[in-house]
Amino acid sequence: MKIIAVHAYTLSHRTKHMFIWRQGLLGSDPTSEETWLRLVTDEGVEGWSRTPRGGIAMDLAVRRLKPWLLGKDPLMKERLWHELWEIDRIEEFPMYIMGWVDTALWDITAKVAKLPLYQLLGGYRHEIEAYASTVTYPTTEEYLDVADQCLARGFRAIKLHAWGDARKDAALCTALRNHVGPDVALMYDGSAGFDPYESLYLGRALEAADYLWYEEPMREFSINAYKRLCEQLDIPVLAAETSDGCHYNVADFIAQGAADMVRTSYFYKGGITGALRVAHLADSFQLSAEVHGMGEENTHLCLAIRNNHYYESLVMANPIVVEPCIGPKGMVKAPSGPGIGYDINLKAMQKTAVAKM
């Protein structure tokens, strides 16, 4: 089998539900872009993947990826992953580009095998519980209202993205615990908004409120800072989400005691191949590797990885807007078709693309 054509399509659409993140981080844009990668083989099997980026992805597709991919055997994913890793040394890809290519190769492989991707990866479960991952709201009262809506919708776990002020966020986290009671799993994501001192203060408040994990409180450039924080806190610190270096870098976090749990995803960890490496690495140390983000790709990872415990579902707006894949009891069921299971309308994509290759 050989790749005989490489196409890319950038789509632009108006954002339906605007939202904000913590102070210092941009929220949603009025217009959103995504670029789809399409690999065509000489046996008629096609592989697809997507990235929420426009110009950067298209430039790399035209200039670097297409010339390299043409003629390659898409089933040789391990070799291609390492070849792309070598190209990264010169090109300095954004983290998501390796995942963009690798995921399309896995889509081809699963279609050839005539299996849903999660079963091809080994398969661990046929459904998984989702947690409601909030955007940022202006007041504590609105957070509590959103939490009530999430619980009524069937979620039994909620993760906060708050304001990026350690004392205000700590008070919010305590208020939410008091509001929902002891039986709802709560998590907190700092989105790398704090310094070590603020991180420690907030972490102790989360411990007192019995939160399940404390995610990415600081930028992930200082392994020493994360090591000190892990030593000072009892709550599990979830780290290595956006750090460069795929599983190689995650290994340093684990070896240095700088993470009690780690993040994995197709987007930030080098595709399906990289995500599995992180998960298996963490499992060797009996650590969780929680899958970051939503979508079809991460659904398959959540169902395939033993040491992942939830599917992350971003809940936007108020009243809340919930993904269609979330069942009435907050569960996500396995896709049944071969491959990843994207719903592709090629003719419409070709017609509406703002850029294509």
Protein backbone atom coordinates (compact mmCIF):
# COMPACT_ATOMS: atom_id res chain seq x y z
CA MET A 1 0.00 0.00 0.00
CA LYS A 2 1.26 3.49 -0.88
CA ILE A 3 0.10 7.05 -0.37
CA ILE A 4 -0.59 8.46 -3.83
CA ALA A 5 -2.20 11.80 -2.94
CA VAL A 6 -2.11 14.24 -0.03
CA HIS A 7 -4.82 16.87 0.32
CA ALA A 8 -5.62 19.51 2.91
CA TYR A 9 -8.72 21.67 3.34
CA THR A 10 -9.02 24.68 5.62
CA LEU A 11 -12.56 25.48 6.71
CA SER A 12 -13.72 28.68 8.37
CA HIS A 13 -16.98 29.14 10.24
CA ARG A 14 -18.55 31.50 12.72
CA THR A 15 -18.17 30.40 16.34
CA LYS A 16 -21.58 29.40 17.70
CA HIS A 17 -20.82 29.71 21.40
CA MET A 18 -18.35 32.38 22.46
CA PHE A 19 -16.51 31.83 25.75
CA ILE A 20 -13.58 33.12 27.78
CA TRP A 21 -10.67 31.54 29.70
CA ARG A 22 -8.76 32.80 32.71
CA GLN A 23 -7.17 36.23 32.82
CA GLY A 24 -4.21 36.36 30.46
CA LEU A 25 -5.54 33.68 28.10
CA LEU A 26 -7.50 34.36 24.95
CA GLY A 27 -10.96 32.86 24.69
CA SER A 28 -12.84 31.84 21.59
CA ASP A 29 -12.52 33.83 18.37
CA PRO A 30 -15.56 35.08 16.45
CA THR A 31 -14.39 32.93 13.55
CA SER A 32 -12.96 29.44 13.96
CA GLU A 33 -10.73 27.54 11.55
CA GLU A 34 -9.82 23.90 11.19
CA THR A 35 -7.70 22.12 8.61
CA TRP A 36 -8.41 18.57 7.50
CA LEU A 37 -5.68 16.25 6.21
CA ARG A 38 -6.68 13.61 3.65
CA LEU A 39 -4.30 10.80 2.66
CA VAL A 40 -5.29 8.76 -0.39
CA THR A 41 -3.79 5.30 -1.01
CA ASP A 42 -3.40 3.21 -4.12
CA GLU A 43 -5.86 0.67 -2.65
CA GLY A 44 -8.65 3.22 -2.32
CA VAL A 45 -8.48 3.52 1.48
CA GLU A 46 -8.34 7.09 2.74
CA GLY A 47 -7.11 8.43 6.06
CA TRP A 48 -8.39 11.63 7.63
CA SER A 49 -7.45 13.84 10.56
CA ARG A 50 -7.99 17.44 11.61
CA THR A 51 -6.35 20.26 13.50
CA PRO A 52 -7.96 23.48 14.76
CA ARG A 53 -5.43 25.57 12.88
CA GLY A 54 -5.47 27.20 9.45
CA GLY A 55 -2.49 28.91 7.87
CA ILE A 56 0.22 27.12 9.87
CA ALA A 57 -1.15 23.67 9.08
CA MET A 58 -1.66 24.47 5.39
CA ASP A 59 1.84 25.88 5.01
CA LEU A 60 3.39 22.77 6.54
CA ALA A 61 1.17 20.48 4.46
CA VAL A 62 2.26 22.12 1.22
CA ARG A 63 5.90 22.77 2.02
CA ARG A 64 6.93 19.77 4.14
CA LEU A 65 4.35 17.05 4.59
CA LYS A 66 3.08 16.36 1.08
CA PRO A 67 6.52 15.83 -0.54
CA TRP A 68 7.56 13.59 2.34
CA LEU A 69 4.39 11.48 2.53
CA LEU A 70 3.94 10.71 -1.18
CA GLY A 71 4.96 7.12 -1.94
CA LYS A 72 5.15 6.10 1.74
CA ASP A 73 3.47 2.97 3.13
CA PRO A 74 0.84 4.30 5.58
CA LEU A 75 0.88 1.08 7.59
CA MET A 76 4.51 1.73 8.59
CA LYS A 77 3.39 4.15 11.28
CA GLU A 78 6.29 3.58 13.66
CA ARG A 79 8.86 4.37 10.97
CA LEU A 80 6.93 7.41 9.77
CA TRP A 81 6.55 8.72 13.31
CA HIS A 82 10.32 8.67 13.77
CA GLU A 83 10.95 10.19 10.34
CA LEU A 84 8.62 13.05 11.22
CA TRP A 85 10.34 13.42 14.60
CA GLU A 86 13.61 13.92 12.68
CA ILE A 87 12.01 16.55 10.44
CA ASP A 88 10.75 18.29 13.60
CA ARG A 89 14.37 18.88 14.70
CA ILE A 90 14.80 21.32 11.82
CA GLU A 91 11.22 22.50 11.31
CA GLU A 92 10.23 22.87 15.01
CA PHE A 93 6.66 21.78 14.40
CA PRO A 94 3.87 22.96 16.64
CA MET A 95 3.07 20.01 18.89
CA TYR A 96 -0.18 19.21 17.12
CA ILE A 97 1.34 18.68 13.66
CA MET A 98 2.86 15.28 14.45
CA GLY A 99 -0.52 14.20 15.76
CA TRP A 100 -2.22 15.50 12.62
CA VAL A 101 -0.22 13.14 10.40
CA ASP A 102 -0.09 10.15 12.73
CA THR A 103 -3.84 10.14 13.35
CA ALA A 104 -4.59 9.98 9.62
CA LEU A 105 -2.26 6.99 9.33
CA TRP A 106 -4.10 5.22 12.15
CA ASP A 107 -7.41 5.97 10.44
CA ILE A 108 -6.13 4.12 7.37
CA THR A 109 -4.82 1.22 9.45
CA ALA A 110 -8.10 0.74 11.32
CA LYS A 111 -10.07 0.85 8.07
CA VAL A 112 -7.81 -1.79 6.55
CA ALA A 113 -8.36 -3.92 9.66
CA LYS A 114 -12.13 -3.18 9.45
CA LEU A 115 -12.17 -2.27 13.15
CA PRO A 116 -13.04 0.81 15.18
CA LEU A 117 -9.74 2.38 16.17
CA TYR A 118 -10.13 1.70 19.90
CA GLN A 119 -10.39 -2.05 19.26
CA LEU A 120 -7.38 -2.02 16.97
CA LEU A 121 -5.44 -0.30 19.76
CA GLY A 122 -6.28 -3.18 22.08
CA GLY A 123 -9.56 -2.03 23.55
CA TYR A 124 -10.25 -1.78 27.27
CA ARG A 125 -13.89 -0.67 27.56
CA HIS A 126 -16.95 -0.03 25.40
CA GLU A 127 -18.11 3.10 27.21
CA ILE A 128 -16.63 5.66 29.57
CA GLU A 129 -17.87 8.30 31.98
CA ALA A 130 -17.51 11.92 30.87
CA TYR A 131 -16.80 14.89 33.10
CA ALA A 132 -18.11 18.38 32.43
CA SER A 133 -15.16 20.67 31.78
CA THR A 134 -16.30 24.28 32.24
CA VAL A 135 -15.29 27.44 30.49
CA THR A 136 -14.81 30.56 32.62
CA TYR A 137 -17.85 32.36 34.02
CA PRO A 138 -17.93 35.80 35.68
CA THR A 139 -19.34 34.91 39.12
CA THR A 140 -19.45 32.13 41.66
CA GLU A 141 -23.23 32.11 41.43
CA GLU A 142 -23.10 31.38 37.71
CA TYR A 143 -20.61 28.54 38.26
CA LEU A 144 -22.97 26.98 40.79
CA ASP A 145 -25.87 27.34 38.37
CA VAL A 146 -23.84 25.70 35.60
CA ALA A 147 -22.85 22.89 37.98
CA ASP A 148 -26.54 22.25 38.73
CA GLN A 149 -27.26 22.05 35.02
CA CYS A 150 -24.38 19.60 34.51
CA LEU A 151 -25.63 17.34 37.29
CA ALA A 152 -29.17 17.47 35.92
CA ARG A 153 -27.80 16.50 32.49
CA GLY A 154 -26.25 13.34 33.95
CA PHE A 155 -22.64 14.34 34.67
CA ARG A 156 -21.24 13.11 37.98
CA ALA A 157 -17.88 14.82 37.67
CA ILE A 158 -17.03 18.48 37.00
CA LYS A 159 -13.75 20.25 36.27
CA LEU A 160 -13.33 23.97 36.77
CA HIS A 161 -11.51 26.44 34.57
CA ALA A 162 -11.63 29.57 36.73
CA TRP A 163 -10.22 33.10 36.80
CA GLY A 164 -6.50 32.70 37.35
CA ASP A 165 -6.53 34.43 40.75
CA ALA A 166 -5.35 31.95 43.36
CA ARG A 167 -7.40 33.30 46.28
CA LYS A 168 -10.59 33.84 44.32
CA ASP A 169 -10.24 30.45 42.65
CA ALA A 170 -9.69 28.77 46.01
CA ALA A 171 -12.88 30.35 47.37
CA LEU A 172 -14.79 29.24 44.26
CA CYS A 173 -13.54 25.67 44.57
CA THR A 174 -14.61 25.55 48.21
CA ALA A 175 -18.02 27.00 47.37
CA LEU A 176 -18.57 24.42 44.64
CA ARG A 177 -17.72 21.54 46.96
CA ASN A 178 -20.12 22.85 49.58
CA HIS A 179 -22.79 23.25 46.91
CA VAL A 180 -22.61 19.80 45.27
CA GLY A 181 -21.77 17.76 48.35
CA PRO A 182 -19.19 15.00 48.87
CA ASP A 183 -20.31 12.52 46.21
CA VAL A 184 -19.53 14.50 43.05
CA ALA A 185 -15.99 14.19 41.68
CA LEU A 186 -14.41 17.64 41.28
CA MET A 187 -11.21 18.63 39.49
CA TYR A 188 -9.47 21.96 38.94
CA ASP A 189 -7.43 23.11 35.92
CA GLY A 190 -5.11 26.07 36.44
CA SER A 191 -4.27 26.39 32.73
CA ALA A 192 -0.70 27.25 33.78
CA GLY A 193 -1.78 30.53 35.37
CA PHE A 194 0.23 30.59 38.60
CA ASP A 195 3.69 30.89 40.08
CA PRO A 196 4.95 28.29 42.60
CA TYR A 197 3.70 30.21 45.67
CA GLU A 198 0.21 30.77 44.29
CA SER A 199 0.13 27.15 43.14
CA LEU A 200 0.88 25.92 46.65
CA TYR A 201 -1.79 28.14 48.23
CA LEU A 202 -4.47 26.99 45.79
CA GLY A 203 -3.39 23.36 45.99
CA ARG A 204 -3.89 23.32 49.76
CA ALA A 205 -7.40 24.70 49.32
CA LEU A 206 -8.17 21.96 46.80
CA GLU A 207 -6.91 19.34 49.24
CA ALA A 208 -9.20 20.67 51.94
CA ALA A 209 -12.14 20.54 49.51
CA ASP A 210 -11.34 16.94 48.48
CA TYR A 211 -10.70 17.58 44.78
CA LEU A 212 -9.70 14.60 42.66
CA TRP A 213 -6.79 16.27 40.88
CA TYR A 214 -4.95 19.58 40.43
CA GLU A 215 -4.13 20.15 36.78
CA GLU A 216 -1.36 22.23 35.20
CA PRO A 217 -1.09 25.03 37.79
CA MET A 218 2.18 26.35 36.30
CA ARG A 219 3.80 26.51 32.87
CA GLU A 220 5.53 23.19 32.32
CA PHE A 221 9.05 24.41 31.64
CA SER A 222 10.40 23.89 35.17
CA ILE A 223 10.40 20.25 36.23
CA ASN A 224 11.99 21.32 39.53
CA ALA A 225 9.05 23.61 40.31
CA TYR A 226 6.62 20.76 39.70
CA LYS A 227 8.72 18.40 41.79
CA ARG A 228 8.61 20.78 44.76
CA LEU A 229 4.86 21.20 44.39
CA CYS A 230 4.28 17.44 44.29
CA GLU A 231 6.35 17.06 47.45
CA GLN A 232 4.41 19.78 49.24
CA LEU A 233 0.88 18.60 48.37
CA ASP A 234 -1.13 15.44 48.91
CA ILE A 235 -3.63 16.10 46.11
CA PRO A 236 -2.47 14.46 42.86
CA VAL A 237 -0.81 16.99 40.55
CA LEU A 238 -1.68 16.35 36.90
CA ALA A 239 1.10 17.62 34.64
CA ALA A 240 2.92 17.34 31.29
CA GLU A 241 -0.07 18.45 29.23
CA THR A 242 1.45 21.02 26.87
CA SER A 243 5.15 20.39 27.46
CA ASP A 244 7.19 19.76 24.32
CA GLY A 245 8.94 16.48 23.73
CA CYS A 246 6.12 13.92 23.64
CA HIS A 247 6.80 10.83 25.77
CA TYR A 248 10.50 11.70 26.17
CA ASN A 249 9.60 14.77 28.20
CA VAL A 250 6.83 13.01 30.14
CA ALA A 251 9.43 10.44 31.19
CA ASP A 252 11.44 13.20 32.86
CA PHE A 253 8.39 14.45 34.77
CA ILE A 254 7.75 10.93 36.06
CA ALA A 255 11.37 10.06 36.83
CA GLN A 256 11.89 13.30 38.78
CA GLY A 257 8.70 12.93 40.82
CA ALA A 258 7.26 16.04 39.15
CA ALA A 259 3.84 14.56 38.33
CA ASP A 260 1.45 12.31 40.23
CA MET A 261 -0.64 11.88 37.08
CA VAL A 262 0.15 12.81 33.48
CA ARG A 263 -1.77 14.08 30.50
CA THR A 264 -1.92 12.36 27.14
CA SER A 265 -3.74 13.18 23.90
CA TYR A 266 -3.44 12.82 20.17
CA PHE A 267 -3.19 16.62 19.87
CA TYR A 268 -0.30 17.46 22.19
CA LYS A 269 1.61 14.16 22.42
CA GLY A 270 2.39 13.14 18.85
CA GLY A 271 -0.84 11.57 17.64
CA ILE A 272 -2.24 8.18 18.52
CA THR A 273 1.27 6.69 18.56
CA GLY A 274 2.61 9.28 21.00
CA ALA A 275 -0.51 9.18 23.19
CA LEU A 276 -0.19 5.42 23.62
CA ARG A 277 3.49 5.73 24.49
CA VAL A 278 2.69 8.21 27.23
CA ALA A 279 -0.11 6.01 28.59
CA HIS A 280 2.01 2.86 28.64
CA LEU A 281 4.94 4.74 30.16
CA ALA A 282 2.72 6.03 32.95
CA ASP A 283 1.21 2.59 33.49
CA SER A 284 4.68 1.20 34.06
CA PHE A 285 4.89 3.49 37.09
CA GLN A 286 1.27 2.78 38.10
CA LEU A 287 0.25 6.35 37.29
CA SER A 288 -2.87 7.59 35.52
CA ALA A 289 -2.58 8.99 32.01
CA GLU A 290 -5.72 11.10 31.67
CA VAL A 291 -6.76 11.91 28.11
CA HIS A 292 -6.96 15.65 27.42
CA GLY A 293 -9.70 17.03 25.21
CA MET A 294 -12.70 15.76 23.34
CA GLY A 295 -13.65 14.57 19.86
CA GLU A 296 -13.62 11.27 18.03
CA GLU A 297 -9.86 10.81 18.28
CA ASN A 298 -9.78 11.16 22.05
CA THR A 299 -12.89 9.01 22.41
CA HIS A 300 -10.97 6.09 20.92
CA LEU A 301 -8.00 6.76 23.20
CA CYS A 302 -10.24 6.89 26.28
CA LEU A 303 -11.72 3.52 25.38
CA ALA A 304 -8.35 1.92 24.62
CA ILE A 305 -6.23 3.12 27.57
CA ARG A 306 -6.62 1.26 30.87
CA ASN A 307 -5.14 3.97 33.09
CA ASN A 308 -7.44 6.73 31.83
CA HIS A 309 -10.63 7.25 33.82
CA TYR A 310 -12.76 9.92 32.11
CA TYR A 311 -13.65 11.53 28.81
CA GLU A 312 -13.27 15.32 28.97
CA SER A 313 -16.27 17.17 27.55
CA LEU A 314 -16.12 20.95 27.30
CA VAL A 315 -19.41 22.48 28.44
CA MET A 316 -19.91 25.95 27.01
CA ALA A 317 -22.44 28.76 27.40
CA ASN A 318 -25.24 29.19 29.91
CA PRO A 319 -27.65 27.45 29.52
CA ILE A 320 -25.05 24.76 28.92
CA VAL A 321 -24.37 23.22 25.53
CA VAL A 322 -23.40 19.54 25.67
CA GLU A 323 -21.81 17.35 22.99
CA PRO A 324 -24.25 14.98 21.23
CA CYS A 325 -22.05 11.99 22.16
CA ILE A 326 -22.82 12.41 25.88
CA GLY A 327 -25.54 9.98 26.92
CA PRO A 328 -28.28 10.72 29.47
CA LYS A 329 -26.20 9.31 32.33
CA GLY A 330 -23.04 11.16 31.30
CA MET A 331 -21.56 8.20 29.45
CA VAL A 332 -19.83 8.09 26.06
CA LYS A 333 -20.34 4.90 24.06
CA ALA A 334 -17.90 3.36 21.61
CA PRO A 335 -18.13 4.12 17.88
CA SER A 336 -19.02 1.04 15.84
CA GLY A 337 -17.67 1.75 12.36
CA PRO A 338 -14.15 1.09 11.07
CA GLY A 339 -11.48 3.74 11.54
CA ILE A 340 -11.96 6.88 13.58
CA GLY A 341 -15.47 7.52 12.34
CA TYR A 342 -15.36 11.10 11.08
CA ASP A 343 -18.51 12.31 9.33
CA ILE A 344 -16.97 13.62 6.09
CA ASN A 345 -18.79 15.39 3.26
CA LEU A 346 -15.96 15.71 0.76
CA LYS A 347 -17.89 17.62 -1.90
CA ALA A 348 -19.06 20.20 0.61
CA MET A 349 -15.56 20.46 2.07
CA GLN A 350 -13.99 21.03 -1.33
CA LYS A 351 -16.62 23.66 -2.16
CA THR A 352 -16.46 25.66 1.06
CA ALA A 353 -12.73 25.44 1.87
CA VAL A 354 -11.05 28.84 2.23
CA ALA A 355 -7.73 27.20 1.32
CA LYS A 356 -6.96 23.76 -0.10
CA MET A 357 -4.17 21.65 -1.48
